């Protein structure tokens, strides 16, 4: 069975479940956003600073988002080397 990104631990800012005497699971586990989404968000900030997607209309915005995910995919690929 293929593991999800959350099961593989590839998430940004995950929170583990917390067990306390008051309850078996006082705080449920939160996986956070995917690492890919986090990396894309970081890349998008840089792209916006460079002028991508600001006033270029819907096509420019779409190009900026697509480019951000290309950067994110490249960063994830580089991590596994």
PDB file of N, CA and C in Angstrom:
ATOM      1  N   UNK A   1       0.842  -1.187   0.000  1.00  0.00           N
ATOM      2  CA  UNK A   1       0.000   0.000   0.000  1.00  0.00           C
ATOM      3  C   UNK A   1       0.883   1.245   0.000  1.00  0.00           C
ATOM      4  N   UNK A   2       0.561   2.179  -0.863  1.00  0.00           N
ATOM      5  CA  UNK A   2       1.337   3.411  -0.978  1.00  0.00           C
ATOM      6  C   UNK A   2       1.038   4.339   0.198  1.00  0.00           C
ATOM      7  N   UNK A   3       2.095   4.879   0.798  1.00  0.00           N
ATOM      8  CA  UNK A   3       1.924   5.801   1.921  1.00  0.00           C
ATOM      9  C   UNK A   3       1.645   7.202   1.415  1.00  0.00           C
ATOM     10  N   UNK A   4       0.841   7.932   2.168  1.00  0.00           N
ATOM     11  CA  UNK A   4       0.574   9.325   1.841  1.00  0.00           C
ATOM     12  C   UNK A   4       1.737  10.176   2.328  1.00  0.00           C
ATOM     13  N   UNK A   5       1.777  11.434   1.904  1.00  0.00           N
ATOM     14  CA  UNK A   5       2.845  12.326   2.348  1.00  0.00           C
ATOM     15  C   UNK A   5       2.833  12.465   3.858  1.00  0.00           C
ATOM     16  N   UNK A   6       1.655  12.450   4.463  1.00  0.00           N
ATOM     17  CA  UNK A   6       1.564  12.598   5.916  1.00  0.00           C
ATOM     18  C   UNK A   6       2.137  11.370   6.625  1.00  0.00           C
ATOM     19  N   UNK A   7       1.874  10.190   6.087  1.00  0.00           N
ATOM     20  CA  UNK A   7       2.388   8.967   6.695  1.00  0.00           C
ATOM     21  C   UNK A   7       3.900   8.862   6.566  1.00  0.00           C
ATOM     22  N   UNK A   8       4.464   9.451   5.518  1.00  0.00           N
ATOM     23  CA  UNK A   8       5.903   9.429   5.320  1.00  0.00           C
ATOM     24  C   UNK A   8       6.601  10.536   6.116  1.00  0.00           C
ATOM     25  N   UNK A   9       5.832  11.374   6.777  1.00  0.00           N
ATOM     26  CA  UNK A   9       6.423  12.460   7.542  1.00  0.00           C
ATOM     27  C   UNK A   9       6.831  13.649   6.703  1.00  0.00           C
ATOM     28  N   UNK A  10       6.300  13.758   5.505  1.00  0.00           N
ATOM     29  CA  UNK A  10       6.649  14.862   4.615  1.00  0.00           C
ATOM     30  C   UNK A  10       5.635  15.991   4.744  1.00  0.00           C
ATOM     31  N   UNK A  11       5.606  16.581   5.908  1.00  0.00           N
ATOM     32  CA  UNK A  11       4.685  17.683   6.107  1.00  0.00           C
ATOM     33  C   UNK A  11       5.410  18.821   6.803  1.00  0.00           C
ATOM     34  N   UNK A  12       4.880  19.990   6.640  1.00  0.00           N
ATOM     35  CA  UNK A  12       5.444  21.164   7.284  1.00  0.00           C
ATOM     36  C   UNK A  12       4.658  21.429   8.558  1.00  0.00           C
ATOM     37  N   UNK A  13       5.350  21.580   9.644  1.00  0.00           N
ATOM     38  CA  UNK A  13       4.756  21.921  10.938  1.00  0.00           C
ATOM     39  C   UNK A  13       3.770  20.883  11.475  1.00  0.00           C
ATOM     40  N   UNK A  14       4.107  19.589  11.469  1.00  0.00           N
ATOM     41  CA  UNK A  14       3.192  18.602  12.030  1.00  0.00           C
ATOM     42  C   UNK A  14       3.148  18.705  13.558  1.00  0.00           C
ATOM     43  N   UNK A  15       2.040  18.309  14.136  1.00  0.00           N
ATOM     44  CA  UNK A  15       1.894  18.270  15.586  1.00  0.00           C
ATOM     45  C   UNK A  15       1.540  16.841  15.984  1.00  0.00           C
ATOM     46  N   UNK A  16       2.335  16.201  16.845  1.00  0.00           N
ATOM     47  CA  UNK A  16       2.012  14.831  17.258  1.00  0.00           C
ATOM     48  C   UNK A  16       0.813  14.807  18.196  1.00  0.00           C
ATOM     49  N   UNK A  17       0.195  13.662  18.297  1.00  0.00           N
ATOM     50  CA  UNK A  17      -0.897  13.494  19.254  1.00  0.00           C
ATOM     51  C   UNK A  17      -0.327  13.615  20.659  1.00  0.00           C
ATOM     52  N   UNK A  18      -1.099  14.187  21.573  1.00  0.00           N
ATOM     53  CA  UNK A  18      -0.650  14.364  22.952  1.00  0.00           C
ATOM     54  C   UNK A  18      -1.532  13.517  23.848  1.00  0.00           C
ATOM     55  N   UNK A  19      -0.907  12.663  24.637  1.00  0.00           N
ATOM     56  CA  UNK A  19      -1.637  11.800  25.560  1.00  0.00           C
ATOM     57  C   UNK A  19      -1.433  12.310  26.980  1.00  0.00           C
ATOM     58  N   UNK A  20      -2.521  12.478  27.698  1.00  0.00           N
ATOM     59  CA  UNK A  20      -2.459  12.966  29.067  1.00  0.00           C
ATOM     60  C   UNK A  20      -3.280  12.060  29.960  1.00  0.00           C
ATOM     61  N   UNK A  21      -3.082  12.134  31.277  1.00  0.00           N
ATOM     62  CA  UNK A  21      -3.897  11.324  32.189  1.00  0.00           C
ATOM     63  C   UNK A  21      -5.390  11.640  32.096  1.00  0.00           C
ATOM     64  N   UNK A  22      -5.720  12.872  31.705  1.00  0.00           N
ATOM     65  CA  UNK A  22      -7.124  13.273  31.620  1.00  0.00           C
ATOM     66  C   UNK A  22      -7.846  12.632  30.442  1.00  0.00           C
ATOM     67  N   UNK A  23      -7.117  12.292  29.411  1.00  0.00           N
ATOM     68  CA  UNK A  23      -7.743  11.724  28.225  1.00  0.00           C
ATOM     69  C   UNK A  23      -6.725  10.984  27.390  1.00  0.00           C
ATOM     70  N   UNK A  24      -7.174   9.968  26.720  1.00  0.00           N
ATOM     71  CA  UNK A  24      -6.263   9.171  25.912  1.00  0.00           C
ATOM     72  C   UNK A  24      -5.633  10.001  24.798  1.00  0.00           C
ATOM     73  N   UNK A  25      -6.381  10.932  24.254  1.00  0.00           N
ATOM     74  CA  UNK A  25      -5.857  11.737  23.165  1.00  0.00           C
ATOM     75  C   UNK A  25      -6.372  13.156  23.346  1.00  0.00           C
ATOM     76  N   UNK A  26      -5.731  13.878  24.252  1.00  0.00           N
ATOM     77  CA  UNK A  26      -6.198  15.218  24.574  1.00  0.00           C
ATOM     78  C   UNK A  26      -6.133  16.149  23.357  1.00  0.00           C
ATOM     79  N   UNK A  27      -5.128  15.968  22.539  1.00  0.00           N
ATOM     80  CA  UNK A  27      -4.982  16.767  21.326  1.00  0.00           C
ATOM     81  C   UNK A  27      -4.709  15.807  20.183  1.00  0.00           C
ATOM     82  N   UNK A  28      -5.568  15.812  19.186  1.00  0.00           N
ATOM     83  CA  UNK A  28      -5.369  14.874  18.083  1.00  0.00           C
ATOM     84  C   UNK A  28      -4.212  15.306  17.203  1.00  0.00           C
ATOM     85  N   UNK A  29      -3.664  14.373  16.487  1.00  0.00           N
ATOM     86  CA  UNK A  29      -2.526  14.656  15.626  1.00  0.00           C
ATOM     87  C   UNK A  29      -2.955  15.510  14.446  1.00  0.00           C
ATOM     88  N   UNK A  30      -2.130  16.494  14.142  1.00  0.00           N
ATOM     89  CA  UNK A  30      -2.342  17.351  12.976  1.00  0.00           C
ATOM     90  C   UNK A  30      -1.137  17.186  12.063  1.00  0.00           C
ATOM     91  N   UNK A  31      -1.373  16.911  10.816  1.00  0.00           N
ATOM     92  CA  UNK A  31      -0.276  16.684   9.890  1.00  0.00           C
ATOM     93  C   UNK A  31       0.301  17.968   9.316  1.00  0.00           C
ATOM     94  N   UNK A  32      -0.417  19.061   9.393  1.00  0.00           N
ATOM     95  CA  UNK A  32       0.076  20.297   8.804  1.00  0.00           C
ATOM     96  C   UNK A  32      -0.077  20.274   7.295  1.00  0.00           C
ATOM     97  N   UNK A  33       0.457  21.282   6.644  1.00  0.00           N
ATOM     98  CA  UNK A  33       0.389  21.329   5.186  1.00  0.00           C
ATOM     99  C   UNK A  33       1.461  20.410   4.607  1.00  0.00           C
ATOM    100  N   UNK A  34       1.289  20.060   3.362  1.00  0.00           N
ATOM    101  CA  UNK A  34       2.299  19.206   2.738  1.00  0.00           C
ATOM    102  C   UNK A  34       3.583  20.012   2.560  1.00  0.00           C
ATOM    103  N   UNK A  35       4.689  19.308   2.570  1.00  0.00           N
ATOM    104  CA  UNK A  35       5.972  19.961   2.366  1.00  0.00           C
ATOM    105  C   UNK A  35       6.019  20.613   0.983  1.00  0.00           C
ATOM    106  N   UNK A  36       5.375  19.985   0.008  1.00  0.00           N
ATOM    107  CA  UNK A  36       5.321  20.543  -1.351  1.00  0.00           C
ATOM    108  C   UNK A  36       4.611  21.896  -1.345  1.00  0.00           C
ATOM    109  N   UNK A  37       3.476  21.983  -0.636  1.00  0.00           N
ATOM    110  CA  UNK A  37       2.749  23.251  -0.552  1.00  0.00           C
ATOM    111  C   UNK A  37       3.583  24.316   0.166  1.00  0.00           C
ATOM    112  N   UNK A  38       4.286  23.909   1.204  1.00  0.00           N
ATOM    113  CA  UNK A  38       5.127  24.860   1.939  1.00  0.00           C
ATOM    114  C   UNK A  38       6.231  25.400   1.040  1.00  0.00           C
ATOM    115  N   UNK A  39       6.932  24.489   0.349  1.00  0.00           N
ATOM    116  CA  UNK A  39       7.988  24.920  -0.554  1.00  0.00           C
ATOM    117  C   UNK A  39       7.439  25.818  -1.661  1.00  0.00           C
ATOM    118  N   UNK A  40       6.271  25.475  -2.201  1.00  0.00           N
ATOM    119  CA  UNK A  40       5.675  26.297  -3.262  1.00  0.00           C
ATOM    120  C   UNK A  40       5.339  27.689  -2.744  1.00  0.00           C
ATOM    121  N   UNK A  41       4.843  27.775  -1.533  1.00  0.00           N
ATOM    122  CA  UNK A  41       4.538  29.076  -0.948  1.00  0.00           C
ATOM    123  C   UNK A  41       5.775  29.936  -0.782  1.00  0.00           C
ATOM    124  N   UNK A  42       6.865  29.299  -0.365  1.00  0.00           N
ATOM    125  CA  UNK A  42       8.118  30.030  -0.220  1.00  0.00           C
ATOM    126  C   UNK A  42       8.628  30.507  -1.581  1.00  0.00           C
ATOM    127  N   UNK A  43       8.554  29.622  -2.582  1.00  0.00           N
ATOM    128  CA  UNK A  43       8.994  30.000  -3.932  1.00  0.00           C
ATOM    129  C   UNK A  43       8.116  31.118  -4.492  1.00  0.00           C
ATOM    130  N   UNK A  44       6.817  31.050  -4.221  1.00  0.00           N
ATOM    131  CA  UNK A  44       5.897  32.060  -4.737  1.00  0.00           C
ATOM    132  C   UNK A  44       6.219  33.444  -4.192  1.00  0.00           C
ATOM    133  N   UNK A  45       6.646  33.510  -2.943  1.00  0.00           N
ATOM    134  CA  UNK A  45       7.033  34.813  -2.381  1.00  0.00           C
ATOM    135  C   UNK A  45       8.153  35.447  -3.197  1.00  0.00           C
ATOM    136  N   UNK A  46       9.154  34.638  -3.521  1.00  0.00           N
ATOM    137  CA  UNK A  46      10.255  35.147  -4.334  1.00  0.00           C
ATOM    138  C   UNK A  46       9.805  35.544  -5.725  1.00  0.00           C
ATOM    139  N   UNK A  47       8.942  34.726  -6.309  1.00  0.00           N
ATOM    140  CA  UNK A  47       8.440  35.045  -7.656  1.00  0.00           C
ATOM    141  C   UNK A  47       7.651  36.347  -7.658  1.00  0.00           C
ATOM    142  N   UNK A  48       6.844  36.559  -6.630  1.00  0.00           N
ATOM    143  CA  UNK A  48       6.060  37.795  -6.558  1.00  0.00           C
ATOM    144  C   UNK A  48       6.971  39.009  -6.377  1.00  0.00           C
ATOM    145  N   UNK A  49       8.042  38.840  -5.610  1.00  0.00           N
ATOM    146  CA  UNK A  49       8.995  39.942  -5.451  1.00  0.00           C
ATOM    147  C   UNK A  49       9.670  40.297  -6.773  1.00  0.00           C
ATOM    148  N   UNK A  50       9.783  39.298  -7.650  1.00  0.00           N
ATOM    149  CA  UNK A  50      10.401  39.519  -8.960  1.00  0.00           C
ATOM    150  C   UNK A  50       9.390  40.018  -9.984  1.00  0.00           C
ATOM    151  N   UNK A  51       8.106  40.126  -9.602  1.00  0.00           N
ATOM    152  CA  UNK A  51       7.108  40.675 -10.494  1.00  0.00           C
ATOM    153  C   UNK A  51       6.220  39.664 -11.189  1.00  0.00           C
ATOM    154  N   UNK A  52       6.415  38.362 -10.941  1.00  0.00           N
ATOM    155  CA  UNK A  52       5.558  37.357 -11.584  1.00  0.00           C
ATOM    156  C   UNK A  52       4.160  37.390 -10.977  1.00  0.00           C
ATOM    157  N   UNK A  53       3.152  37.451 -11.829  1.00  0.00           N
ATOM    158  CA  UNK A  53       1.773  37.319 -11.387  1.00  0.00           C
ATOM    159  C   UNK A  53       1.158  38.549 -10.773  1.00  0.00           C
ATOM    160  N   UNK A  54       1.843  39.658 -10.732  1.00  0.00           N
ATOM    161  CA  UNK A  54       1.274  40.837 -10.080  1.00  0.00           C
ATOM    162  C   UNK A  54       0.219  41.504 -10.947  1.00  0.00           C
ATOM    163  N   UNK A  55       0.600  41.980 -12.124  1.00  0.00           N
ATOM    164  CA  UNK A  55      -0.334  42.723 -12.966  1.00  0.00           C
ATOM    165  C   UNK A  55      -0.483  42.062 -14.329  1.00  0.00           C
ATOM    166  N   UNK A  56      -0.161  40.810 -14.400  1.00  0.00           N
ATOM    167  CA  UNK A  56      -0.183  40.131 -15.683  1.00  0.00           C
ATOM    168  C   UNK A  56      -1.521  39.473 -15.995  1.00  0.00           C
ATOM    169  N   UNK A  57      -2.529  39.695 -15.188  1.00  0.00           N
ATOM    170  CA  UNK A  57      -3.832  39.088 -15.400  1.00  0.00           C
ATOM    171  C   UNK A  57      -3.839  37.623 -15.000  1.00  0.00           C
ATOM    172  N   UNK A  58      -4.935  36.951 -15.278  1.00  0.00           N
ATOM    173  CA  UNK A  58      -5.080  35.553 -14.859  1.00  0.00           C
ATOM    174  C   UNK A  58      -3.980  34.634 -15.386  1.00  0.00           C
ATOM    175  N   UNK A  59      -3.516  34.863 -16.607  1.00  0.00           N
ATOM    176  CA  UNK A  59      -2.458  34.004 -17.148  1.00  0.00           C
ATOM    177  C   UNK A  59      -1.153  34.179 -16.381  1.00  0.00           C
ATOM    178  N   UNK A  60      -0.844  35.395 -16.007  1.00  0.00           N
ATOM    179  CA  UNK A  60       0.373  35.652 -15.236  1.00  0.00           C
ATOM    180  C   UNK A  60       0.310  35.032 -13.853  1.00  0.00           C
ATOM    181  N   UNK A  61      -0.852  35.117 -13.233  1.00  0.00           N
ATOM    182  CA  UNK A  61      -1.039  34.530 -11.913  1.00  0.00           C
ATOM    183  C   UNK A  61      -0.911  33.012 -12.003  1.00  0.00           C
ATOM    184  N   UNK A  62      -1.532  32.427 -13.017  1.00  0.00           N
ATOM    185  CA  UNK A  62      -1.445  30.978 -13.208  1.00  0.00           C
ATOM    186  C   UNK A  62       0.002  30.560 -13.458  1.00  0.00           C
ATOM    187  N   UNK A  63       0.724  31.326 -14.262  1.00  0.00           N
ATOM    188  CA  UNK A  63       2.126  31.028 -14.547  1.00  0.00           C
ATOM    189  C   UNK A  63       2.956  31.076 -13.256  1.00  0.00           C
ATOM    190  N   UNK A  64       2.691  32.058 -12.431  1.00  0.00           N
ATOM    191  CA  UNK A  64       3.419  32.169 -11.166  1.00  0.00           C
ATOM    192  C   UNK A  64       3.167  30.975 -10.264  1.00  0.00           C
ATOM    193  N   UNK A  65       1.915  30.547 -10.177  1.00  0.00           N
ATOM    194  CA  UNK A  65       1.581  29.390  -9.344  1.00  0.00           C
ATOM    195  C   UNK A  65       2.202  28.107  -9.890  1.00  0.00           C
ATOM    196  N   UNK A  66       2.122  27.924 -11.190  1.00  0.00           N
ATOM    197  CA  UNK A  66       2.720  26.729 -11.806  1.00  0.00           C
ATOM    198  C   UNK A  66       4.231  26.709 -11.598  1.00  0.00           C
ATOM    199  N   UNK A  67       4.863  27.853 -11.741  1.00  0.00           N
ATOM    200  CA  UNK A  67       6.303  27.949 -11.569  1.00  0.00           C
ATOM    201  C   UNK A  67       6.696  27.663 -10.115  1.00  0.00           C
ATOM    202  N   UNK A  68       5.902  28.168  -9.179  1.00  0.00           N
ATOM    203  CA  UNK A  68       6.190  27.917  -7.764  1.00  0.00           C
ATOM    204  C   UNK A  68       6.181  26.419  -7.469  1.00  0.00           C
ATOM    205  N   UNK A  69       5.218  25.686  -8.035  1.00  0.00           N
ATOM    206  CA  UNK A  69       5.162  24.241  -7.803  1.00  0.00           C
ATOM    207  C   UNK A  69       6.293  23.508  -8.531  1.00  0.00           C
ATOM    208  N   UNK A  70       6.757  24.048  -9.635  1.00  0.00           N
ATOM    209  CA  UNK A  70       7.927  23.450 -10.297  1.00  0.00           C
ATOM    210  C   UNK A  70       9.152  23.577  -9.396  1.00  0.00           C
ATOM    211  N   UNK A  71       9.314  24.742  -8.778  1.00  0.00           N
ATOM    212  CA  UNK A  71      10.400  24.915  -7.820  1.00  0.00           C
ATOM    213  C   UNK A  71      10.245  23.944  -6.652  1.00  0.00           C
ATOM    214  N   UNK A  72       9.019  23.824  -6.135  1.00  0.00           N
ATOM    215  CA  UNK A  72       8.775  22.929  -5.000  1.00  0.00           C
ATOM    216  C   UNK A  72       9.107  21.483  -5.364  1.00  0.00           C
ATOM    217  N   UNK A  73       8.699  21.051  -6.538  1.00  0.00           N
ATOM    218  CA  UNK A  73       8.986  19.683  -6.973  1.00  0.00           C
ATOM    219  C   UNK A  73      10.493  19.465  -7.097  1.00  0.00           C
ATOM    220  N   UNK A  74      11.195  20.462  -7.612  1.00  0.00           N
ATOM    221  CA  UNK A  74      12.646  20.353  -7.746  1.00  0.00           C
ATOM    222  C   UNK A  74      13.323  20.288  -6.367  1.00  0.00           C
ATOM    223  N   UNK A  75      12.815  21.051  -5.429  1.00  0.00           N
ATOM    224  CA  UNK A  75      13.378  21.027  -4.076  1.00  0.00           C
ATOM    225  C   UNK A  75      13.159  19.675  -3.406  1.00  0.00           C
ATOM    226  N   UNK A  76      11.988  19.096  -3.597  1.00  0.00           N
ATOM    227  CA  UNK A  76      11.695  17.771  -3.023  1.00  0.00           C
ATOM    228  C   UNK A  76      12.575  16.710  -3.670  1.00  0.00           C
ATOM    229  N   UNK A  77      12.749  16.788  -4.977  1.00  0.00           N
ATOM    230  CA  UNK A  77      13.605  15.825  -5.676  1.00  0.00           C
ATOM    231  C   UNK A  77      15.050  15.945  -5.174  1.00  0.00           C
ATOM    232  N   UNK A  78      15.488  17.142  -4.913  1.00  0.00           N
ATOM    233  CA  UNK A  78      16.859  17.356  -4.454  1.00  0.00           C
ATOM    234  C   UNK A  78      17.054  16.803  -3.030  1.00  0.00           C
ATOM    235  N   UNK A  79      16.028  16.811  -2.218  1.00  0.00           N
ATOM    236  CA  UNK A  79      16.127  16.313  -0.849  1.00  0.00           C
ATOM    237  C   UNK A  79      16.455  14.824  -0.801  1.00  0.00           C
ATOM    238  N   UNK A  80      15.969  14.057  -1.757  1.00  0.00           N
ATOM    239  CA  UNK A  80      16.127  12.601  -1.690  1.00  0.00           C
ATOM    240  C   UNK A  80      17.456  12.130  -2.268  1.00  0.00           C
ATOM    241  N   UNK A  81      18.263  13.026  -2.789  1.00  0.00           N
ATOM    242  CA  UNK A  81      19.564  12.635  -3.340  1.00  0.00           C
ATOM    243  C   UNK A  81      20.522  12.254  -2.238  1.00  0.00           C
TER     244      UNK A  81
END
